[in-house]
Amino acid sequence: MRNVSKLLSEMFPQVEIDVAGGGAAGGLGYGALTFLSANFKRGFDICAEAVDLSSAISKSDLVITGEGHIDHQTASGKVPSGVASLCLKHSKPLVIIAGGISNYPLIKKSPILGSASIFSLVNKPMSLTEAMKPQNAKSLLSECVANIFNIYMSGRQHSAKL
């Protein structure tokens, strides 16, 4: 693979070899850059632009997003990291509701996710299968959102008294 990469970089010096996503799907991205003059754009960015998410966040008091499982890789391009970046840009508080959380201390050290409030949807030991049953998922989500809302409203009431 290195030999092919070296040969192509000599033939197409205008194409960057070490571009993020270029090696995905067996180098398909690099091939598209080289032979089709393609451009890379993150899926989050395409969707965020389509719905004008930045504008919506700028007008919000609180932003809530979700992730099936949040871990140290979440800051590397998953939806919550894109939402978190927009929240930082507009100085808006972010809440992330996750089905599971791994390595919380490392997540909180992230420059992107570190300021977010992160809540686990699961409030007691249970299997993934059990948590995903419709009646359980609805109850877990309702309880989590109610707790977040209570915290948020308490803060607003406290601020109003100051």
N, C-alpha and C. Protein backbone atom coordinates (compact mmCIF):
# COMPACT_ATOMS: atom_id res chain seq x y z
N MET A 1 0.82 -1.19 0.00
CA MET A 1 0.00 0.00 0.00
C MET A 1 0.87 1.26 0.00
N ARG A 2 1.99 1.21 0.75
CA ARG A 2 2.88 2.38 0.77
C ARG A 2 3.45 2.66 -0.61
N ASN A 3 3.78 1.60 -1.35
CA ASN A 3 4.34 1.78 -2.69
C ASN A 3 3.31 2.43 -3.62
N VAL A 4 2.06 1.99 -3.52
CA VAL A 4 1.00 2.58 -4.35
C VAL A 4 0.81 4.04 -3.96
N SER A 5 0.81 4.30 -2.68
CA SER A 5 0.64 5.67 -2.19
C SER A 5 1.77 6.56 -2.70
N LYS A 6 3.00 6.06 -2.63
CA LYS A 6 4.15 6.83 -3.09
C LYS A 6 4.06 7.11 -4.59
N LEU A 7 3.70 6.09 -5.34
CA LEU A 7 3.56 6.24 -6.80
C LEU A 7 2.49 7.27 -7.14
N LEU A 8 1.33 7.17 -6.48
CA LEU A 8 0.24 8.11 -6.74
C LEU A 8 0.60 9.53 -6.33
N SER A 9 1.36 9.68 -5.24
CA SER A 9 1.75 11.03 -4.81
C SER A 9 2.73 11.66 -5.81
N GLU A 10 3.51 10.82 -6.47
CA GLU A 10 4.42 11.35 -7.50
C GLU A 10 3.63 11.72 -8.76
N MET A 11 2.62 10.93 -9.07
CA MET A 11 1.80 11.18 -10.26
C MET A 11 0.81 12.34 -10.06
N PHE A 12 0.34 12.49 -8.82
CA PHE A 12 -0.67 13.51 -8.49
C PHE A 12 -0.21 14.31 -7.27
N PRO A 13 0.81 15.15 -7.44
CA PRO A 13 1.37 15.87 -6.29
C PRO A 13 0.38 16.84 -5.65
N GLN A 14 -0.66 17.23 -6.37
CA GLN A 14 -1.64 18.18 -5.82
C GLN A 14 -2.57 17.54 -4.79
N VAL A 15 -2.56 16.20 -4.70
CA VAL A 15 -3.45 15.51 -3.77
C VAL A 15 -2.69 15.16 -2.50
N GLU A 16 -3.24 15.55 -1.37
CA GLU A 16 -2.63 15.26 -0.08
C GLU A 16 -2.79 13.78 0.25
N ILE A 17 -1.71 13.13 0.67
CA ILE A 17 -1.74 11.69 0.95
C ILE A 17 -2.41 11.39 2.27
N ASP A 18 -2.08 12.14 3.30
CA ASP A 18 -2.55 11.83 4.65
C ASP A 18 -3.80 12.60 5.03
N VAL A 19 -4.77 12.68 4.13
CA VAL A 19 -6.01 13.40 4.43
C VAL A 19 -6.92 12.51 5.27
N ALA A 20 -7.57 13.10 6.28
CA ALA A 20 -8.49 12.35 7.14
C ALA A 20 -9.60 11.74 6.30
N GLY A 21 -9.82 10.45 6.47
CA GLY A 21 -10.87 9.75 5.72
C GLY A 21 -10.39 9.15 4.41
N GLY A 22 -9.16 9.50 4.00
CA GLY A 22 -8.64 9.01 2.73
C GLY A 22 -8.42 7.51 2.69
N GLY A 23 -8.14 6.92 3.84
CA GLY A 23 -7.87 5.48 3.89
C GLY A 23 -9.11 4.64 4.13
N ALA A 24 -10.24 5.29 4.39
CA ALA A 24 -11.47 4.54 4.66
C ALA A 24 -11.88 3.71 3.46
N ALA A 25 -12.53 2.60 3.73
CA ALA A 25 -13.04 1.71 2.68
C ALA A 25 -11.92 1.31 1.71
N GLY A 26 -10.78 0.97 2.27
CA GLY A 26 -9.68 0.49 1.43
C GLY A 26 -9.06 1.56 0.56
N GLY A 27 -9.12 2.80 0.97
CA GLY A 27 -8.52 3.88 0.20
C GLY A 27 -9.46 4.50 -0.81
N LEU A 28 -10.74 4.16 -0.72
CA LEU A 28 -11.71 4.70 -1.66
C LEU A 28 -11.72 6.22 -1.63
N GLY A 29 -11.62 6.81 -0.43
CA GLY A 29 -11.62 8.26 -0.31
C GLY A 29 -10.44 8.88 -1.03
N TYR A 30 -9.27 8.29 -0.86
CA TYR A 30 -8.08 8.80 -1.54
C TYR A 30 -8.25 8.68 -3.05
N GLY A 31 -8.80 7.58 -3.48
CA GLY A 31 -9.05 7.39 -4.91
C GLY A 31 -10.00 8.44 -5.46
N ALA A 32 -11.04 8.76 -4.69
CA ALA A 32 -12.00 9.77 -5.13
C ALA A 32 -11.34 11.15 -5.20
N LEU A 33 -10.47 11.45 -4.23
CA LEU A 33 -9.74 12.72 -4.25
C LEU A 33 -8.82 12.80 -5.47
N THR A 34 -8.12 11.71 -5.72
CA THR A 34 -7.12 11.69 -6.78
C THR A 34 -7.73 11.68 -8.17
N PHE A 35 -8.67 10.79 -8.40
CA PHE A 35 -9.17 10.56 -9.75
C PHE A 35 -10.46 11.30 -10.09
N LEU A 36 -11.19 11.75 -9.10
CA LEU A 36 -12.48 12.40 -9.36
C LEU A 36 -12.51 13.85 -8.88
N SER A 37 -11.39 14.34 -8.38
CA SER A 37 -11.32 15.70 -7.83
C SER A 37 -12.39 15.94 -6.77
N ALA A 38 -12.65 14.92 -5.98
CA ALA A 38 -13.67 15.01 -4.93
C ALA A 38 -13.16 15.85 -3.76
N ASN A 39 -14.08 16.28 -2.95
CA ASN A 39 -13.77 16.99 -1.70
C ASN A 39 -14.38 16.21 -0.56
N PHE A 40 -13.72 16.24 0.59
CA PHE A 40 -14.27 15.59 1.78
C PHE A 40 -15.03 16.60 2.61
N LYS A 41 -16.15 16.19 3.10
CA LYS A 41 -16.92 17.01 4.02
C LYS A 41 -17.57 16.06 5.01
N ARG A 42 -17.47 16.41 6.30
CA ARG A 42 -18.07 15.56 7.33
C ARG A 42 -19.58 15.51 7.16
N GLY A 43 -20.14 14.34 7.41
CA GLY A 43 -21.59 14.18 7.34
C GLY A 43 -22.31 15.13 8.27
N PHE A 44 -21.76 15.33 9.47
CA PHE A 44 -22.37 16.26 10.41
C PHE A 44 -22.47 17.65 9.80
N ASP A 45 -21.39 18.11 9.16
CA ASP A 45 -21.38 19.46 8.59
C ASP A 45 -22.44 19.61 7.50
N ILE A 46 -22.61 18.58 6.69
CA ILE A 46 -23.62 18.63 5.62
C ILE A 46 -25.01 18.75 6.24
N CYS A 47 -25.29 17.92 7.23
CA CYS A 47 -26.61 17.95 7.88
C CYS A 47 -26.83 19.25 8.64
N ALA A 48 -25.81 19.72 9.36
CA ALA A 48 -25.94 20.95 10.14
C ALA A 48 -26.22 22.15 9.24
N GLU A 49 -25.56 22.20 8.09
CA GLU A 49 -25.81 23.29 7.15
C GLU A 49 -27.22 23.18 6.56
N ALA A 50 -27.66 21.97 6.26
CA ALA A 50 -28.97 21.77 5.64
C ALA A 50 -30.11 22.26 6.53
N VAL A 51 -29.94 22.11 7.84
CA VAL A 51 -31.01 22.53 8.77
C VAL A 51 -30.67 23.83 9.50
N ASP A 52 -29.58 24.48 9.12
CA ASP A 52 -29.12 25.72 9.74
C ASP A 52 -29.01 25.57 11.25
N LEU A 53 -28.34 24.49 11.67
CA LEU A 53 -28.21 24.16 13.08
C LEU A 53 -27.49 25.26 13.87
N SER A 54 -26.50 25.87 13.28
CA SER A 54 -25.76 26.93 13.97
C SER A 54 -26.69 28.07 14.37
N SER A 55 -27.56 28.46 13.48
CA SER A 55 -28.52 29.54 13.78
C SER A 55 -29.49 29.11 14.88
N ALA A 56 -29.98 27.88 14.79
CA ALA A 56 -30.91 27.38 15.80
C ALA A 56 -30.26 27.35 17.18
N ILE A 57 -29.01 26.90 17.23
CA ILE A 57 -28.29 26.86 18.51
C ILE A 57 -28.06 28.27 19.04
N SER A 58 -27.74 29.20 18.16
CA SER A 58 -27.48 30.58 18.61
C SER A 58 -28.72 31.20 19.26
N LYS A 59 -29.91 30.72 18.91
CA LYS A 59 -31.16 31.26 19.46
C LYS A 59 -31.68 30.45 20.65
N SER A 60 -30.95 29.41 21.04
CA SER A 60 -31.41 28.51 22.10
C SER A 60 -30.88 28.92 23.46
N ASP A 61 -31.63 28.53 24.49
CA ASP A 61 -31.17 28.72 25.86
C ASP A 61 -30.38 27.50 26.33
N LEU A 62 -30.76 26.33 25.83
CA LEU A 62 -30.16 25.06 26.22
C LEU A 62 -30.22 24.12 25.03
N VAL A 63 -29.16 23.37 24.81
CA VAL A 63 -29.10 22.42 23.70
C VAL A 63 -28.97 21.01 24.28
N ILE A 64 -29.80 20.09 23.77
CA ILE A 64 -29.76 18.70 24.21
C ILE A 64 -29.53 17.83 22.98
N THR A 65 -28.54 16.93 23.08
CA THR A 65 -28.29 15.96 22.01
C THR A 65 -28.12 14.59 22.65
N GLY A 66 -28.00 13.58 21.83
CA GLY A 66 -27.87 12.23 22.36
C GLY A 66 -26.85 11.41 21.60
N GLU A 67 -26.48 10.31 22.23
CA GLU A 67 -25.51 9.38 21.64
C GLU A 67 -25.77 8.02 22.26
N GLY A 68 -25.70 6.98 21.45
CA GLY A 68 -25.92 5.64 21.98
C GLY A 68 -24.94 5.30 23.08
N HIS A 69 -23.67 5.56 22.82
CA HIS A 69 -22.63 5.31 23.81
C HIS A 69 -21.58 6.39 23.65
N ILE A 70 -21.26 7.08 24.73
CA ILE A 70 -20.26 8.13 24.66
C ILE A 70 -18.97 7.65 25.32
N ASP A 71 -17.86 7.92 24.64
CA ASP A 71 -16.55 7.54 25.15
C ASP A 71 -15.53 8.54 24.62
N HIS A 72 -14.26 8.25 24.81
CA HIS A 72 -13.21 9.19 24.40
C HIS A 72 -13.20 9.43 22.89
N GLN A 73 -13.75 8.52 22.10
CA GLN A 73 -13.78 8.69 20.64
C GLN A 73 -14.90 9.62 20.18
N THR A 74 -15.85 9.89 21.05
CA THR A 74 -16.98 10.74 20.68
C THR A 74 -16.51 12.12 20.25
N ALA A 75 -15.43 12.60 20.82
CA ALA A 75 -14.91 13.92 20.46
C ALA A 75 -14.25 13.92 19.08
N SER A 76 -14.11 12.76 18.47
CA SER A 76 -13.42 12.66 17.19
C SER A 76 -14.39 12.57 16.02
N GLY A 77 -15.38 13.42 16.00
CA GLY A 77 -16.22 13.52 14.81
C GLY A 77 -17.63 12.98 14.91
N LYS A 78 -18.03 12.41 16.03
CA LYS A 78 -19.41 11.96 16.16
C LYS A 78 -20.32 13.18 16.33
N VAL A 79 -21.61 12.97 16.15
CA VAL A 79 -22.58 14.07 16.20
C VAL A 79 -22.44 14.92 17.46
N PRO A 80 -22.35 14.34 18.66
CA PRO A 80 -22.23 15.21 19.84
C PRO A 80 -21.03 16.16 19.78
N SER A 81 -19.95 15.75 19.15
CA SER A 81 -18.79 16.66 19.07
C SER A 81 -19.08 17.82 18.14
N GLY A 82 -19.81 17.57 17.06
CA GLY A 82 -20.21 18.66 16.17
C GLY A 82 -21.16 19.63 16.85
N VAL A 83 -22.14 19.08 17.57
CA VAL A 83 -23.08 19.91 18.32
C VAL A 83 -22.32 20.71 19.40
N ALA A 84 -21.41 20.03 20.09
CA ALA A 84 -20.62 20.70 21.14
C ALA A 84 -19.80 21.85 20.57
N SER A 85 -19.23 21.67 19.40
CA SER A 85 -18.45 22.74 18.78
C SER A 85 -19.32 23.96 18.50
N LEU A 86 -20.53 23.72 18.01
CA LEU A 86 -21.44 24.84 17.75
C LEU A 86 -21.88 25.51 19.05
N CYS A 87 -22.09 24.71 20.09
CA CYS A 87 -22.46 25.28 21.39
C CYS A 87 -21.33 26.14 21.94
N LEU A 88 -20.10 25.69 21.80
CA LEU A 88 -18.96 26.49 22.25
C LEU A 88 -18.87 27.80 21.46
N LYS A 89 -19.08 27.70 20.16
CA LYS A 89 -19.04 28.87 19.28
C LYS A 89 -20.05 29.93 19.73
N HIS A 90 -21.24 29.48 20.14
CA HIS A 90 -22.32 30.40 20.51
C HIS A 90 -22.48 30.56 22.02
N SER A 91 -21.56 29.99 22.80
CA SER A 91 -21.59 30.07 24.27
C SER A 91 -22.92 29.58 24.83
N LYS A 92 -23.35 28.41 24.38
CA LYS A 92 -24.61 27.82 24.83
C LYS A 92 -24.33 26.55 25.62
N PRO A 93 -25.09 26.32 26.69
CA PRO A 93 -24.90 25.09 27.46
C PRO A 93 -25.39 23.86 26.70
N LEU A 94 -24.67 22.76 26.87
CA LEU A 94 -25.00 21.52 26.17
C LEU A 94 -25.21 20.39 27.16
N VAL A 95 -26.28 19.64 26.93
CA VAL A 95 -26.55 18.41 27.67
C VAL A 95 -26.49 17.27 26.67
N ILE A 96 -25.76 16.23 27.03
CA ILE A 96 -25.70 15.02 26.20
C ILE A 96 -26.34 13.88 26.99
N ILE A 97 -27.34 13.25 26.39
CA ILE A 97 -27.96 12.07 26.99
C ILE A 97 -27.41 10.86 26.23
N ALA A 98 -26.81 9.94 26.97
CA ALA A 98 -26.18 8.77 26.35
C ALA A 98 -26.74 7.49 26.93
N GLY A 99 -26.84 6.49 26.09
CA GLY A 99 -27.26 5.17 26.56
C GLY A 99 -26.23 4.58 27.50
N GLY A 100 -24.98 4.87 27.25
CA GLY A 100 -23.89 4.40 28.09
C GLY A 100 -22.74 5.39 28.06
N ILE A 101 -21.94 5.36 29.10
CA ILE A 101 -20.78 6.26 29.20
C ILE A 101 -19.57 5.43 29.60
N SER A 102 -18.49 5.58 28.85
CA SER A 102 -17.23 4.92 29.19
C SER A 102 -16.14 5.97 29.35
N ASN A 103 -15.30 5.78 30.34
CA ASN A 103 -14.13 6.63 30.57
C ASN A 103 -14.51 8.10 30.74
N TYR A 104 -15.44 8.33 31.64
CA TYR A 104 -15.93 9.69 31.91
C TYR A 104 -14.81 10.69 32.19
N PRO A 105 -13.81 10.36 33.02
CA PRO A 105 -12.75 11.35 33.28
C PRO A 105 -12.02 11.80 32.01
N LEU A 106 -11.80 10.90 31.08
CA LEU A 106 -11.13 11.28 29.84
C LEU A 106 -12.04 12.15 28.97
N ILE A 107 -13.33 11.85 28.95
CA ILE A 107 -14.29 12.66 28.19
C ILE A 107 -14.28 14.10 28.72
N LYS A 108 -14.29 14.25 30.04
CA LYS A 108 -14.35 15.59 30.64
C LYS A 108 -13.08 16.39 30.39
N LYS A 109 -11.97 15.74 30.02
CA LYS A 109 -10.74 16.45 29.69
C LYS A 109 -10.74 16.95 28.25
N SER A 110 -11.71 16.50 27.46
CA SER A 110 -11.78 16.89 26.06
C SER A 110 -12.09 18.38 25.93
N PRO A 111 -11.34 19.10 25.09
CA PRO A 111 -11.63 20.53 24.91
C PRO A 111 -13.02 20.76 24.29
N ILE A 112 -13.52 19.78 23.56
CA ILE A 112 -14.82 19.94 22.90
C ILE A 112 -15.95 19.50 23.83
N LEU A 113 -15.82 18.33 24.44
CA LEU A 113 -16.92 17.78 25.24
C LEU A 113 -16.82 18.09 26.73
N GLY A 114 -15.69 18.60 27.16
CA GLY A 114 -15.45 18.79 28.58
C GLY A 114 -16.43 19.70 29.29
N SER A 115 -17.00 20.66 28.59
CA SER A 115 -17.93 21.59 29.25
C SER A 115 -19.38 21.11 29.18
N ALA A 116 -19.64 20.03 28.47
CA ALA A 116 -21.00 19.51 28.37
C ALA A 116 -21.41 18.79 29.65
N SER A 117 -22.71 18.83 29.95
CA SER A 117 -23.26 18.01 31.03
C SER A 117 -23.70 16.70 30.41
N ILE A 118 -23.20 15.60 30.94
CA ILE A 118 -23.44 14.30 30.33
C ILE A 118 -24.24 13.43 31.30
N PHE A 119 -25.35 12.90 30.81
CA PHE A 119 -26.24 12.07 31.61
C PHE A 119 -26.38 10.70 30.96
N SER A 120 -26.35 9.67 31.79
CA SER A 120 -26.62 8.32 31.30
C SER A 120 -28.11 8.08 31.35
N LEU A 121 -28.63 7.51 30.29
CA LEU A 121 -30.05 7.19 30.22
C LEU A 121 -30.42 6.07 31.19
N VAL A 122 -29.49 5.15 31.37
CA VAL A 122 -29.74 3.98 32.21
C VAL A 122 -29.50 4.37 33.67
N ASN A 123 -30.51 4.16 34.51
CA ASN A 123 -30.42 4.60 35.90
C ASN A 123 -30.22 3.47 36.91
N LYS A 124 -30.04 2.26 36.39
CA LYS A 124 -29.77 1.11 37.26
C LYS A 124 -29.15 0.02 36.40
N PRO A 125 -28.53 -0.97 37.00
CA PRO A 125 -27.93 -2.04 36.19
C PRO A 125 -28.99 -2.76 35.35
N MET A 126 -28.76 -2.82 34.04
CA MET A 126 -29.64 -3.56 33.15
C MET A 126 -28.91 -3.84 31.84
N SER A 127 -29.33 -4.87 31.18
CA SER A 127 -28.71 -5.23 29.91
C SER A 127 -29.15 -4.25 28.82
N LEU A 128 -28.40 -4.22 27.74
CA LEU A 128 -28.75 -3.39 26.60
C LEU A 128 -30.11 -3.79 26.06
N THR A 129 -30.34 -5.09 25.99
CA THR A 129 -31.63 -5.60 25.49
C THR A 129 -32.77 -5.09 26.36
N GLU A 130 -32.59 -5.13 27.67
CA GLU A 130 -33.62 -4.66 28.60
C GLU A 130 -33.84 -3.14 28.45
N ALA A 131 -32.76 -2.39 28.34
CA ALA A 131 -32.87 -0.93 28.22
C ALA A 131 -33.56 -0.51 26.92
N MET A 132 -33.42 -1.33 25.88
CA MET A 132 -33.98 -0.97 24.57
C MET A 132 -35.42 -1.42 24.37
N LYS A 133 -35.97 -2.16 25.31
CA LYS A 133 -37.39 -2.51 25.20
C LYS A 133 -38.19 -1.22 25.18
N PRO A 134 -39.14 -1.08 24.27
CA PRO A 134 -39.86 0.20 24.12
C PRO A 134 -40.41 0.78 25.42
N GLN A 135 -41.01 -0.03 26.26
CA GLN A 135 -41.59 0.51 27.50
C GLN A 135 -40.49 1.00 28.43
N ASN A 136 -39.35 0.31 28.46
CA ASN A 136 -38.24 0.75 29.31
C ASN A 136 -37.56 1.99 28.74
N ALA A 137 -37.32 1.99 27.43
CA ALA A 137 -36.65 3.12 26.79
C ALA A 137 -37.46 4.41 26.99
N LYS A 138 -38.77 4.31 26.84
CA LYS A 138 -39.63 5.47 27.03
C LYS A 138 -39.55 5.98 28.47
N SER A 139 -39.61 5.07 29.41
CA SER A 139 -39.55 5.43 30.83
C SER A 139 -38.18 6.03 31.19
N LEU A 140 -37.11 5.40 30.72
CA LEU A 140 -35.76 5.89 31.02
C LEU A 140 -35.54 7.28 30.44
N LEU A 141 -35.97 7.48 29.22
CA LEU A 141 -35.80 8.79 28.58
C LEU A 141 -36.65 9.84 29.29
N SER A 142 -37.88 9.50 29.61
CA SER A 142 -38.76 10.45 30.31
C SER A 142 -38.18 10.88 31.65
N GLU A 143 -37.67 9.92 32.41
CA GLU A 143 -37.08 10.23 33.72
C GLU A 143 -35.84 11.10 33.57
N CYS A 144 -35.00 10.77 32.61
CA CYS A 144 -33.76 11.53 32.41
C CYS A 144 -34.08 12.97 32.00
N VAL A 145 -34.99 13.14 31.06
CA VAL A 145 -35.35 14.48 30.59
C VAL A 145 -36.02 15.27 31.72
N ALA A 146 -36.86 14.62 32.51
CA ALA A 146 -37.49 15.31 33.64
C ALA A 146 -36.44 15.81 34.63
N ASN A 147 -35.43 15.01 34.90
CA ASN A 147 -34.35 15.43 35.81
C ASN A 147 -33.56 16.61 35.24
N ILE A 148 -33.26 16.54 33.95
CA ILE A 148 -32.54 17.64 33.30
C ILE A 148 -33.37 18.91 33.35
N PHE A 149 -34.65 18.80 33.05
CA PHE A 149 -35.55 19.95 33.06
C PHE A 149 -35.62 20.56 34.46
N ASN A 150 -35.70 19.71 35.48
CA ASN A 150 -35.76 20.20 36.86
C ASN A 150 -34.50 20.98 37.23
N ILE A 151 -33.35 20.47 36.84
CA ILE A 151 -32.09 21.16 37.11
C ILE A 151 -32.07 22.50 36.38
N TYR A 152 -32.46 22.48 35.12
CA TYR A 152 -32.45 23.70 34.30
C TYR A 152 -33.38 24.76 34.90
N MET A 153 -34.59 24.36 35.25
CA MET A 153 -35.55 25.31 35.80
C MET A 153 -35.11 25.83 37.17
N SER A 154 -34.49 24.99 37.97
CA SER A 154 -33.96 25.44 39.26
C SER A 154 -32.92 26.54 39.06
N GLY A 155 -32.06 26.34 38.08
CA GLY A 155 -31.04 27.35 37.76
C GLY A 155 -31.65 28.66 37.28
N ARG A 156 -32.68 28.57 36.47
CA ARG A 156 -33.35 29.79 35.97
C ARG A 156 -34.04 30.53 37.10
N GLN A 157 -34.70 29.79 37.99
CA GLN A 157 -35.37 30.42 39.12
C GLN A 157 -34.37 31.08 40.05
N HIS A 158 -33.24 30.40 40.27
CA HIS A 158 -32.19 30.96 41.11
C HIS A 158 -31.63 32.24 40.49
N SER A 159 -31.39 32.22 39.18
CA SER A 159 -30.86 33.39 38.48
C SER A 159 -31.84 34.55 38.54
N ALA A 160 -33.13 34.26 38.45
CA ALA A 160 -34.15 35.32 38.49
C ALA A 160 -34.18 36.01 39.84
N LYS A 161 -33.83 35.29 40.91
CA LYS A 161 -33.83 35.87 42.25
C LYS A 161 -32.64 36.79 42.49
N LEU A 162 -31.57 36.57 41.70
CA LEU A 162 -30.35 37.39 41.88
C LEU A 162 -30.59 38.72 41.31
